[in-house]
PDB file of N, CA and C in Angstrom:
ATOM      1  N   UNK A   1     -23.826   0.965   1.003  1.00  0.00           N
ATOM      2  CA  UNK A   1     -22.640   0.721   0.166  1.00  0.00           C
ATOM      3  C   UNK A   1     -21.412   0.647   1.018  1.00  0.00           C
ATOM      4  N   UNK A   2     -20.558  -0.338   0.810  1.00  0.00           N
ATOM      5  CA  UNK A   2     -19.312  -0.470   1.536  1.00  0.00           C
ATOM      6  C   UNK A   2     -18.193   0.371   0.883  1.00  0.00           C
ATOM      7  N   UNK A   3     -17.334   0.952   1.696  1.00  0.00           N
ATOM      8  CA  UNK A   3     -16.174   1.665   1.177  1.00  0.00           C
ATOM      9  C   UNK A   3     -15.197   0.659   0.528  1.00  0.00           C
ATOM     10  N   UNK A   4     -14.673   1.019  -0.614  1.00  0.00           N
ATOM     11  CA  UNK A   4     -13.652   0.230  -1.260  1.00  0.00           C
ATOM     12  C   UNK A   4     -12.311   0.856  -0.852  1.00  0.00           C
ATOM     13  N   UNK A   5     -11.389  -0.001  -0.462  1.00  0.00           N
ATOM     14  CA  UNK A   5     -10.119   0.495  -0.012  1.00  0.00           C
ATOM     15  C   UNK A   5      -9.314   1.198  -1.102  1.00  0.00           C
ATOM     16  N   UNK A   6      -9.298   0.611  -2.278  1.00  0.00           N
ATOM     17  CA  UNK A   6      -8.445   1.182  -3.341  1.00  0.00           C
ATOM     18  C   UNK A   6      -8.964   0.736  -4.693  1.00  0.00           C
ATOM     19  N   UNK A   7      -9.016   1.688  -5.598  1.00  0.00           N
ATOM     20  CA  UNK A   7      -9.366   1.378  -6.977  1.00  0.00           C
ATOM     21  C   UNK A   7      -8.229   1.824  -7.858  1.00  0.00           C
ATOM     22  N   UNK A   8      -8.100   1.227  -9.078  1.00  0.00           N
ATOM     23  CA  UNK A   8      -6.992   1.612  -9.974  1.00  0.00           C
ATOM     24  C   UNK A   8      -7.001   3.107 -10.204  1.00  0.00           C
ATOM     25  N   UNK A   9      -5.850   3.700 -10.102  1.00  0.00           N
ATOM     26  CA  UNK A   9      -5.673   5.137 -10.325  1.00  0.00           C
ATOM     27  C   UNK A   9      -6.090   6.020  -9.198  1.00  0.00           C
ATOM     28  N   UNK A  10      -6.541   5.405  -8.078  1.00  0.00           N
ATOM     29  CA  UNK A  10      -7.045   6.209  -6.979  1.00  0.00           C
ATOM     30  C   UNK A  10      -5.940   6.930  -6.188  1.00  0.00           C
ATOM     31  N   UNK A  11      -4.807   6.295  -6.069  1.00  0.00           N
ATOM     32  CA  UNK A  11      -3.683   6.908  -5.315  1.00  0.00           C
ATOM     33  C   UNK A  11      -2.635   7.339  -6.369  1.00  0.00           C
ATOM     34  N   UNK A  12      -2.440   8.603  -6.444  1.00  0.00           N
ATOM     35  CA  UNK A  12      -1.362   9.116  -7.312  1.00  0.00           C
ATOM     36  C   UNK A  12      -1.765   9.185  -8.742  1.00  0.00           C
ATOM     37  N   UNK A  13      -1.923   8.067  -9.438  1.00  0.00           N
ATOM     38  CA  UNK A  13      -2.133   8.069 -10.864  1.00  0.00           C
ATOM     39  C   UNK A  13      -3.515   8.539 -11.287  1.00  0.00           C
ATOM     40  N   UNK A  14      -3.747   8.522 -12.505  1.00  0.00           N
ATOM     41  CA  UNK A  14      -5.060   8.912 -13.054  1.00  0.00           C
ATOM     42  C   UNK A  14      -5.419  10.356 -12.877  1.00  0.00           C
ATOM     43  N   UNK A  15      -4.408  11.202 -12.672  1.00  0.00           N
ATOM     44  CA  UNK A  15      -4.671  12.609 -12.561  1.00  0.00           C
ATOM     45  C   UNK A  15      -5.326  13.039 -11.264  1.00  0.00           C
ATOM     46  N   UNK A  16      -5.324  12.176 -10.259  1.00  0.00           N
ATOM     47  CA  UNK A  16      -6.048  12.473  -9.037  1.00  0.00           C
ATOM     48  C   UNK A  16      -5.100  13.070  -7.972  1.00  0.00           C
ATOM     49  N   UNK A  17      -3.811  13.015  -8.172  1.00  0.00           N
ATOM     50  CA  UNK A  17      -2.877  13.544  -7.159  1.00  0.00           C
ATOM     51  C   UNK A  17      -2.736  12.596  -6.016  1.00  0.00           C
ATOM     52  N   UNK A  18      -2.308  13.139  -4.870  1.00  0.00           N
ATOM     53  CA  UNK A  18      -2.049  12.308  -3.707  1.00  0.00           C
ATOM     54  C   UNK A  18      -3.304  12.109  -2.882  1.00  0.00           C
ATOM     55  N   UNK A  19      -4.279  11.488  -3.489  1.00  0.00           N
ATOM     56  CA  UNK A  19      -5.539  11.220  -2.797  1.00  0.00           C
ATOM     57  C   UNK A  19      -5.839   9.772  -2.675  1.00  0.00           C
ATOM     58  N   UNK A  20      -6.591   9.379  -1.677  1.00  0.00           N
ATOM     59  CA  UNK A  20      -7.018   8.032  -1.483  1.00  0.00           C
ATOM     60  C   UNK A  20      -8.297   8.075  -0.718  1.00  0.00           C
ATOM     61  N   UNK A  21      -9.394   8.244  -1.464  1.00  0.00           N
ATOM     62  CA  UNK A  21     -10.725   8.445  -0.875  1.00  0.00           C
ATOM     63  C   UNK A  21     -11.613   7.255  -1.232  1.00  0.00           C
ATOM     64  N   UNK A  22     -12.461   6.994  -0.274  1.00  0.00           N
ATOM     65  CA  UNK A  22     -13.483   5.973  -0.479  1.00  0.00           C
ATOM     66  C   UNK A  22     -14.581   6.532  -1.344  1.00  0.00           C
ATOM     67  N   UNK A  23     -15.429   5.705  -1.909  1.00  0.00           N
ATOM     68  CA  UNK A  23     -16.553   6.236  -2.672  1.00  0.00           C
ATOM     69  C   UNK A  23     -17.479   7.094  -1.788  1.00  0.00           C
ATOM     70  N   UNK A  24     -17.461   6.853  -0.479  1.00  0.00           N
ATOM     71  CA  UNK A  24     -18.283   7.663   0.407  1.00  0.00           C
ATOM     72  C   UNK A  24     -17.608   8.963   0.845  1.00  0.00           C
ATOM     73  N   UNK A  25     -16.332   9.231   0.407  1.00  0.00           N
ATOM     74  CA  UNK A  25     -15.643  10.448   0.697  1.00  0.00           C
ATOM     75  C   UNK A  25     -14.631  10.420   1.837  1.00  0.00           C
ATOM     76  N   UNK A  26     -14.510   9.245   2.495  1.00  0.00           N
ATOM     77  CA  UNK A  26     -13.520   9.156   3.568  1.00  0.00           C
ATOM     78  C   UNK A  26     -12.112   9.310   3.007  1.00  0.00           C
ATOM     79  N   UNK A  27     -11.261  10.097   3.667  1.00  0.00           N
ATOM     80  CA  UNK A  27      -9.909  10.364   3.206  1.00  0.00           C
ATOM     81  C   UNK A  27      -8.963   9.395   3.974  1.00  0.00           C
ATOM     82  N   UNK A  28      -8.616   8.292   3.294  1.00  0.00           N
ATOM     83  CA  UNK A  28      -7.763   7.297   3.942  1.00  0.00           C
ATOM     84  C   UNK A  28      -6.384   7.795   4.261  1.00  0.00           C
ATOM     85  N   UNK A  29      -5.780   8.564   3.369  1.00  0.00           N
ATOM     86  CA  UNK A  29      -4.428   9.062   3.624  1.00  0.00           C
ATOM     87  C   UNK A  29      -4.384   9.997   4.810  1.00  0.00           C
ATOM     88  N   UNK A  30      -5.404  10.834   4.948  1.00  0.00           N
ATOM     89  CA  UNK A  30      -5.452  11.761   6.078  1.00  0.00           C
ATOM     90  C   UNK A  30      -5.552  10.932   7.367  1.00  0.00           C
ATOM     91  N   UNK A  31      -6.368   9.941   7.418  1.00  0.00           N
ATOM     92  CA  UNK A  31      -6.519   9.093   8.609  1.00  0.00           C
ATOM     93  C   UNK A  31      -5.219   8.287   8.866  1.00  0.00           C
ATOM     94  N   UNK A  32      -4.624   7.763   7.815  1.00  0.00           N
ATOM     95  CA  UNK A  32      -3.419   6.967   7.953  1.00  0.00           C
ATOM     96  C   UNK A  32      -2.239   7.776   8.501  1.00  0.00           C
ATOM     97  N   UNK A  33      -2.250   9.081   8.206  1.00  0.00           N
ATOM     98  CA  UNK A  33      -1.183   9.946   8.675  1.00  0.00           C
ATOM     99  C   UNK A  33      -1.118  10.072  10.191  1.00  0.00           C
ATOM    100  N   UNK A  34      -2.186   9.688  10.863  1.00  0.00           N
ATOM    101  CA  UNK A  34      -2.195   9.788  12.311  1.00  0.00           C
ATOM    102  C   UNK A  34      -1.764   8.479  12.987  1.00  0.00           C
ATOM    103  N   UNK A  35      -1.359   7.500  12.223  1.00  0.00           N
ATOM    104  CA  UNK A  35      -0.873   6.246  12.829  1.00  0.00           C
ATOM    105  C   UNK A  35       0.315   6.497  13.748  1.00  0.00           C
ATOM    106  N   UNK A  36       0.289   5.906  14.888  1.00  0.00           N
ATOM    107  CA  UNK A  36       1.371   6.107  15.825  1.00  0.00           C
ATOM    108  C   UNK A  36       2.170   4.835  16.074  1.00  0.00           C
ATOM    109  N   UNK A  37       2.085   3.905  15.179  1.00  0.00           N
ATOM    110  CA  UNK A  37       2.795   2.618  15.259  1.00  0.00           C
ATOM    111  C   UNK A  37       3.662   2.401  14.046  1.00  0.00           C
ATOM    112  N   UNK A  38       4.700   1.625  14.151  1.00  0.00           N
ATOM    113  CA  UNK A  38       5.505   1.328  12.952  1.00  0.00           C
ATOM    114  C   UNK A  38       4.638   0.660  11.881  1.00  0.00           C
ATOM    115  N   UNK A  39       4.916   1.022  10.620  1.00  0.00           N
ATOM    116  CA  UNK A  39       4.127   0.480   9.514  1.00  0.00           C
ATOM    117  C   UNK A  39       5.066   0.059   8.389  1.00  0.00           C
ATOM    118  N   UNK A  40       4.595  -0.951   7.649  1.00  0.00           N
ATOM    119  CA  UNK A  40       5.343  -1.475   6.504  1.00  0.00           C
ATOM    120  C   UNK A  40       4.405  -1.415   5.266  1.00  0.00           C
ATOM    121  N   UNK A  41       4.877  -0.748   4.237  1.00  0.00           N
ATOM    122  CA  UNK A  41       4.101  -0.678   2.990  1.00  0.00           C
ATOM    123  C   UNK A  41       4.659  -1.663   2.000  1.00  0.00           C
ATOM    124  N   UNK A  42       3.828  -2.548   1.501  1.00  0.00           N
ATOM    125  CA  UNK A  42       4.222  -3.568   0.536  1.00  0.00           C
ATOM    126  C   UNK A  42       3.637  -3.253  -0.818  1.00  0.00           C
ATOM    127  N   UNK A  43       4.404  -3.580  -1.861  1.00  0.00           N
ATOM    128  CA  UNK A  43       3.849  -3.484  -3.218  1.00  0.00           C
ATOM    129  C   UNK A  43       4.504  -4.563  -4.085  1.00  0.00           C
ATOM    130  N   UNK A  44       3.790  -5.030  -5.093  1.00  0.00           N
ATOM    131  CA  UNK A  44       4.335  -6.000  -6.038  1.00  0.00           C
ATOM    132  C   UNK A  44       5.027  -5.301  -7.181  1.00  0.00           C
ATOM    133  N   UNK A  45       6.209  -5.752  -7.511  1.00  0.00           N
ATOM    134  CA  UNK A  45       7.001  -5.119  -8.618  1.00  0.00           C
ATOM    135  C   UNK A  45       6.243  -5.178  -9.959  1.00  0.00           C
ATOM    136  N   UNK A  46       5.384  -6.168 -10.134  1.00  0.00           N
ATOM    137  CA  UNK A  46       4.650  -6.326 -11.371  1.00  0.00           C
ATOM    138  C   UNK A  46       3.172  -5.911 -11.208  1.00  0.00           C
ATOM    139  N   UNK A  47       2.882  -5.153 -10.189  1.00  0.00           N
ATOM    140  CA  UNK A  47       1.503  -4.779  -9.909  1.00  0.00           C
ATOM    141  C   UNK A  47       1.061  -3.624 -10.809  1.00  0.00           C
ATOM    142  N   UNK A  48       0.042  -3.835 -11.574  1.00  0.00           N
ATOM    143  CA  UNK A  48      -0.477  -2.807 -12.462  1.00  0.00           C
ATOM    144  C   UNK A  48      -1.445  -1.897 -11.749  1.00  0.00           C
ATOM    145  N   UNK A  49      -1.936  -2.270 -10.566  1.00  0.00           N
ATOM    146  CA  UNK A  49      -2.921  -1.476  -9.864  1.00  0.00           C
ATOM    147  C   UNK A  49      -2.266  -0.538  -8.819  1.00  0.00           C
ATOM    148  N   UNK A  50      -1.352  -1.069  -8.070  1.00  0.00           N
ATOM    149  CA  UNK A  50      -0.695  -0.292  -6.978  1.00  0.00           C
ATOM    150  C   UNK A  50       0.779  -0.607  -7.060  1.00  0.00           C
ATOM    151  N   UNK A  51       1.516   0.195  -7.781  1.00  0.00           N
ATOM    152  CA  UNK A  51       2.973  -0.024  -7.937  1.00  0.00           C
ATOM    153  C   UNK A  51       3.745   0.831  -6.964  1.00  0.00           C
ATOM    154  N   UNK A  52       5.066   0.950  -7.267  1.00  0.00           N
ATOM    155  CA  UNK A  52       5.893   1.735  -6.381  1.00  0.00           C
ATOM    156  C   UNK A  52       5.468   3.191  -6.176  1.00  0.00           C
ATOM    157  N   UNK A  53       5.076   3.923  -7.249  1.00  0.00           N
ATOM    158  CA  UNK A  53       4.674   5.315  -7.004  1.00  0.00           C
ATOM    159  C   UNK A  53       3.495   5.428  -6.015  1.00  0.00           C
ATOM    160  N   UNK A  54       2.501   4.601  -6.143  1.00  0.00           N
ATOM    161  CA  UNK A  54       1.371   4.603  -5.229  1.00  0.00           C
ATOM    162  C   UNK A  54       1.742   4.181  -3.812  1.00  0.00           C
ATOM    163  N   UNK A  55       2.556   3.128  -3.745  1.00  0.00           N
ATOM    164  CA  UNK A  55       3.018   2.659  -2.393  1.00  0.00           C
ATOM    165  C   UNK A  55       3.892   3.742  -1.738  1.00  0.00           C
ATOM    166  N   UNK A  56       4.664   4.452  -2.518  1.00  0.00           N
ATOM    167  CA  UNK A  56       5.486   5.507  -1.925  1.00  0.00           C
ATOM    168  C   UNK A  56       4.648   6.661  -1.349  1.00  0.00           C
ATOM    169  N   UNK A  57       3.557   7.001  -2.046  1.00  0.00           N
ATOM    170  CA  UNK A  57       2.658   8.036  -1.529  1.00  0.00           C
ATOM    171  C   UNK A  57       2.134   7.652  -0.158  1.00  0.00           C
ATOM    172  N   UNK A  58       1.661   6.400  -0.046  1.00  0.00           N
ATOM    173  CA  UNK A  58       1.107   5.945   1.224  1.00  0.00           C
ATOM    174  C   UNK A  58       2.223   5.800   2.263  1.00  0.00           C
ATOM    175  N   UNK A  59       3.350   5.250   1.890  1.00  0.00           N
ATOM    176  CA  UNK A  59       4.461   5.075   2.820  1.00  0.00           C
ATOM    177  C   UNK A  59       4.990   6.407   3.377  1.00  0.00           C
ATOM    178  N   UNK A  60       5.074   7.394   2.505  1.00  0.00           N
ATOM    179  CA  UNK A  60       5.519   8.729   2.949  1.00  0.00           C
ATOM    180  C   UNK A  60       4.515   9.316   3.895  1.00  0.00           C
ATOM    181  N   UNK A  61       3.257   9.166   3.633  1.00  0.00           N
ATOM    182  CA  UNK A  61       2.222   9.778   4.478  1.00  0.00           C
ATOM    183  C   UNK A  61       2.197   9.130   5.879  1.00  0.00           C
ATOM    184  N   UNK A  62       2.403   7.811   5.943  1.00  0.00           N
ATOM    185  CA  UNK A  62       2.321   7.144   7.244  1.00  0.00           C
ATOM    186  C   UNK A  62       3.691   6.860   7.849  1.00  0.00           C
ATOM    187  N   UNK A  63       4.722   7.430   7.209  1.00  0.00           N
ATOM    188  CA  UNK A  63       6.084   7.276   7.697  1.00  0.00           C
ATOM    189  C   UNK A  63       6.439   5.775   7.828  1.00  0.00           C
ATOM    190  N   UNK A  64       6.157   5.000   6.773  1.00  0.00           N
ATOM    191  CA  UNK A  64       6.372   3.598   6.757  1.00  0.00           C
ATOM    192  C   UNK A  64       7.609   3.226   5.983  1.00  0.00           C
ATOM    193  N   UNK A  65       8.165   2.116   6.331  1.00  0.00           N
ATOM    194  CA  UNK A  65       9.242   1.498   5.535  1.00  0.00           C
ATOM    195  C   UNK A  65       8.525   0.897   4.348  1.00  0.00           C
ATOM    196  N   UNK A  66       9.196   0.914   3.182  1.00  0.00           N
ATOM    197  CA  UNK A  66       8.573   0.361   1.996  1.00  0.00           C
ATOM    198  C   UNK A  66       9.324  -0.913   1.563  1.00  0.00           C
ATOM    199  N   UNK A  67       8.590  -1.939   1.138  1.00  0.00           N
ATOM    200  CA  UNK A  67       9.192  -3.175   0.788  1.00  0.00           C
ATOM    201  C   UNK A  67       8.601  -3.677  -0.527  1.00  0.00           C
ATOM    202  N   UNK A  68       9.426  -3.727  -1.594  1.00  0.00           N
ATOM    203  CA  UNK A  68       8.930  -4.303  -2.841  1.00  0.00           C
ATOM    204  C   UNK A  68       8.978  -5.819  -2.771  1.00  0.00           C
ATOM    205  N   UNK A  69       8.059  -6.458  -3.493  1.00  0.00           N
ATOM    206  CA  UNK A  69       8.051  -7.905  -3.495  1.00  0.00           C
ATOM    207  C   UNK A  69       7.893  -8.370  -4.958  1.00  0.00           C
ATOM    208  N   UNK A  70       8.372  -9.518  -5.258  1.00  0.00           N
ATOM    209  CA  UNK A  70       8.178 -10.089  -6.564  1.00  0.00           C
ATOM    210  C   UNK A  70       6.701 -10.419  -6.743  1.00  0.00           C
ATOM    211  N   UNK A  71       6.199 -10.222  -7.941  1.00  0.00           N
ATOM    212  CA  UNK A  71       4.850 -10.596  -8.197  1.00  0.00           C
ATOM    213  C   UNK A  71       3.927  -9.399  -8.512  1.00  0.00           C
ATOM    214  N   UNK A  72       2.656  -9.718  -8.651  1.00  0.00           N
ATOM    215  CA  UNK A  72       1.658  -8.721  -8.991  1.00  0.00           C
ATOM    216  C   UNK A  72       0.857  -8.363  -7.763  1.00  0.00           C
ATOM    217  N   UNK A  73      -0.336  -7.886  -7.968  1.00  0.00           N
ATOM    218  CA  UNK A  73      -1.190  -7.376  -6.876  1.00  0.00           C
ATOM    219  C   UNK A  73      -1.402  -8.399  -5.782  1.00  0.00           C
ATOM    220  N   UNK A  74      -1.761  -9.600  -6.139  1.00  0.00           N
ATOM    221  CA  UNK A  74      -2.051 -10.617  -5.130  1.00  0.00           C
ATOM    222  C   UNK A  74      -0.997 -11.712  -5.055  1.00  0.00           C
ATOM    223  N   UNK A  75      -0.054 -11.696  -6.001  1.00  0.00           N
ATOM    224  CA  UNK A  75       0.943 -12.758  -6.063  1.00  0.00           C
ATOM    225  C   UNK A  75       1.761 -12.896  -4.820  1.00  0.00           C
ATOM    226  N   UNK A  76       2.095 -11.768  -4.177  1.00  0.00           N
ATOM    227  CA  UNK A  76       2.919 -11.809  -2.973  1.00  0.00           C
ATOM    228  C   UNK A  76       2.207 -12.645  -1.886  1.00  0.00           C
ATOM    229  N   UNK A  77       0.959 -12.418  -1.730  1.00  0.00           N
ATOM    230  CA  UNK A  77       0.199 -13.053  -0.664  1.00  0.00           C
ATOM    231  C   UNK A  77      -0.124 -14.519  -1.002  1.00  0.00           C
ATOM    232  N   UNK A  78      -0.194 -14.837  -2.233  1.00  0.00           N
ATOM    233  CA  UNK A  78      -0.534 -16.186  -2.646  1.00  0.00           C
ATOM    234  C   UNK A  78       0.702 -17.064  -2.827  1.00  0.00           C
ATOM    235  N   UNK A  79       1.939 -16.488  -2.769  1.00  0.00           N
ATOM    236  CA  UNK A  79       3.134 -17.243  -3.064  1.00  0.00           C
ATOM    237  C   UNK A  79       3.605 -18.142  -1.913  1.00  0.00           C
ATOM    238  N   UNK A  80       3.086 -17.919  -0.755  1.00  0.00           N
ATOM    239  CA  UNK A  80       3.497 -18.772   0.361  1.00  0.00           C
ATOM    240  C   UNK A  80       4.635 -18.187   1.160  1.00  0.00           C
ATOM    241  N   UNK A  81       5.137 -18.986   2.056  1.00  0.00           N
ATOM    242  CA  UNK A  81       6.136 -18.503   2.998  1.00  0.00           C
ATOM    243  C   UNK A  81       7.461 -18.042   2.418  1.00  0.00           C
ATOM    244  N   UNK A  82       7.785 -18.525   1.238  1.00  0.00           N
ATOM    245  CA  UNK A  82       9.097 -18.168   0.647  1.00  0.00           C
ATOM    246  C   UNK A  82       9.275 -16.668   0.476  1.00  0.00           C
ATOM    247  N   UNK A  83       8.205 -15.921   0.273  1.00  0.00           N
ATOM    248  CA  UNK A  83       8.292 -14.479   0.079  1.00  0.00           C
ATOM    249  C   UNK A  83       8.082 -13.651   1.330  1.00  0.00           C
ATOM    250  N   UNK A  84       7.833 -14.338   2.443  1.00  0.00           N
ATOM    251  CA  UNK A  84       7.508 -13.609   3.663  1.00  0.00           C
ATOM    252  C   UNK A  84       8.722 -13.349   4.580  1.00  0.00           C
ATOM    253  N   UNK A  85       9.904 -13.810   4.170  1.00  0.00           N
ATOM    254  CA  UNK A  85      11.076 -13.671   4.999  1.00  0.00           C
ATOM    255  C   UNK A  85      11.355 -12.227   5.444  1.00  0.00           C
ATOM    256  N   UNK A  86      11.373 -11.278   4.527  1.00  0.00           N
ATOM    257  CA  UNK A  86      11.641  -9.874   4.894  1.00  0.00           C
ATOM    258  C   UNK A  86      10.573  -9.301   5.778  1.00  0.00           C
ATOM    259  N   UNK A  87       9.320  -9.682   5.526  1.00  0.00           N
ATOM    260  CA  UNK A  87       8.230  -9.209   6.358  1.00  0.00           C
ATOM    261  C   UNK A  87       8.386  -9.751   7.783  1.00  0.00           C
ATOM    262  N   UNK A  88       8.694 -11.003   7.899  1.00  0.00           N
ATOM    263  CA  UNK A  88       8.897 -11.596   9.206  1.00  0.00           C
ATOM    264  C   UNK A  88      10.067 -10.969   9.947  1.00  0.00           C
ATOM    265  N   UNK A  89      11.189 -10.686   9.195  1.00  0.00           N
ATOM    266  CA  UNK A  89      12.293  -9.970   9.790  1.00  0.00           C
ATOM    267  C   UNK A  89      11.899  -8.588  10.308  1.00  0.00           C
ATOM    268  N   UNK A  90      11.084  -7.907   9.533  1.00  0.00           N
ATOM    269  CA  UNK A  90      10.637  -6.569   9.936  1.00  0.00           C
ATOM    270  C   UNK A  90       9.766  -6.637  11.226  1.00  0.00           C
ATOM    271  N   UNK A  91       8.879  -7.654  11.236  1.00  0.00           N
ATOM    272  CA  UNK A  91       8.030  -7.803  12.402  1.00  0.00           C
ATOM    273  C   UNK A  91       8.832  -8.162  13.652  1.00  0.00           C
ATOM    274  N   UNK A  92       9.900  -8.909  13.483  1.00  0.00           N
ATOM    275  CA  UNK A  92      10.696  -9.356  14.625  1.00  0.00           C
ATOM    276  C   UNK A  92      11.601  -8.247  15.148  1.00  0.00           C
ATOM    277  N   UNK A  93      11.871  -7.229  14.314  1.00  0.00           N
ATOM    278  CA  UNK A  93      12.816  -6.149  14.735  1.00  0.00           C
ATOM    279  C   UNK A  93      12.223  -5.249  15.795  1.00  0.00           C
TER     280      UNK A  93
END
């Protein structure tokens, strides 16, 4: 069985607290906390699966800058280059 990165309610919501575990028990937030590189946490403003509260939990743990985007869970990535401006600016900094 492959580990699933994220399921609804897995980070923050659903009474689970600040956890992000795979079905196999791997603690993603614990591992992410050891990142030693700049990170950017993205979330869609209309995302019903991973909204600002969940993105904030991850961003705080990995000391990442957080960037909201218009759209839902996959809308940001499917919208094309028009929504990538701030991400490209962050990468260039």
